[in-house]
Protein backbone atom coordinates (compact mmCIF):
# COMPACT_ATOMS: atom_id res chain seq x y z
CA MET A 1 -15.78 4.58 2.10
CA THR A 2 -13.65 2.75 -0.02
CA LEU A 3 -13.40 2.70 -3.86
CA ILE A 4 -11.69 -0.77 -3.62
CA LYS A 5 -14.65 -3.12 -2.92
CA PRO A 6 -14.19 -7.00 -1.98
CA GLY A 7 -13.54 -9.34 -5.12
CA ASP A 8 -12.06 -6.34 -7.29
CA MET A 9 -9.04 -6.36 -9.12
CA VAL A 10 -7.17 -3.55 -9.57
CA TYR A 11 -3.84 -2.08 -11.06
CA LEU A 12 -1.76 -0.61 -8.52
CA THR A 13 0.91 1.90 -10.33
CA GLY A 14 5.07 1.23 -9.47
CA GLY A 15 5.32 5.00 -8.61
CA SER A 16 5.03 6.87 -5.58
CA PHE A 17 1.58 6.68 -5.79
CA GLY A 18 1.35 2.99 -5.94
CA PHE A 19 3.48 3.08 -2.01
CA LEU A 20 1.18 5.77 -0.96
CA MET A 21 -1.76 3.85 -1.99
CA LEU A 22 -0.42 0.94 0.21
CA ARG A 23 -0.75 2.87 3.34
CA HIS A 24 -4.84 3.20 2.60
CA LEU A 25 -5.36 -0.04 1.67
CA PRO A 26 -7.33 -2.13 4.80
CA GLN A 27 -5.07 -5.08 5.77
CA ASP A 28 -8.59 -7.47 5.62
CA LEU A 29 -10.18 -6.26 2.15
CA LYS A 30 -9.94 -9.40 -0.02
CA CYS A 31 -9.18 -8.25 -3.67
CA THR A 32 -6.55 -8.87 -6.33
CA LEU A 33 -4.12 -6.56 -7.53
CA VAL A 34 -1.71 -6.22 -10.42
CA VAL A 35 1.46 -4.55 -9.83
CA ASN A 36 4.92 -3.83 -12.12
CA ASN A 37 7.08 -2.81 -9.11
CA ALA A 38 8.90 -5.90 -7.43
CA ASP A 39 9.06 -3.52 -3.96
CA ILE A 40 4.77 -3.10 -3.83
CA ALA A 41 4.82 -6.96 -4.70
CA ASN A 42 6.79 -7.81 -1.75
CA ARG A 43 4.81 -5.27 0.50
CA LEU A 44 1.85 -6.87 -0.46
CA ARG A 45 3.07 -10.08 0.99
CA ALA A 46 1.30 -9.12 4.53
CA PHE A 47 -1.73 -8.63 3.06
CA PRO A 48 -3.44 -11.99 3.49
CA ASN A 49 -6.46 -11.58 1.44
CA VAL A 50 -4.66 -9.73 -1.37
CA ASP A 51 -3.99 -12.15 -4.70
CA VAL A 52 -0.81 -10.19 -6.46
CA TYR A 53 0.02 -10.47 -10.15
CA VAL A 54 3.25 -9.25 -10.70
CA ALA A 55 3.93 -7.85 -14.69
CA GLY A 56 7.43 -9.47 -15.92
CA GLY A 57 9.71 -8.15 -17.87
CA LEU A 58 12.81 -5.47 -17.47
CA MET A 59 13.07 -4.27 -13.93
CA ARG A 60 14.62 -1.05 -13.67
CA LYS A 61 17.20 -0.38 -10.68
CA SER A 62 13.67 1.48 -8.82
CA GLY A 63 11.94 -2.03 -8.82
CA SER A 64 9.33 -0.92 -11.70
CA ILE A 65 8.78 -3.41 -14.34
CA VAL A 66 8.54 -1.59 -17.59
CA ASP A 67 9.00 -2.95 -21.04
CA SER A 68 6.84 -4.51 -24.01
CA MET A 69 6.44 -7.57 -21.91
CA ALA A 70 5.08 -5.52 -19.02
CA ARG A 71 2.60 -3.76 -21.19
CA GLU A 72 1.43 -6.55 -22.89
CA PHE A 73 0.78 -7.99 -19.36
CA MET A 74 -1.05 -5.33 -18.35
């Protein structure tokens, strides 16, 4: 059973938990993911049915995007 259903919109955290979630995300699931990490967004390019929104703002060396602009986007 998957908690993310087709058509869902989900925020995927930019921390290590977000990278762990990528391992369990079905490649064929059609959904929309909102992320605040450039590396996670790049990896999601391999998921043909996932629409990806990336929060804009200041990017840390870790790839996470965090500042007031990113918070407002979320």
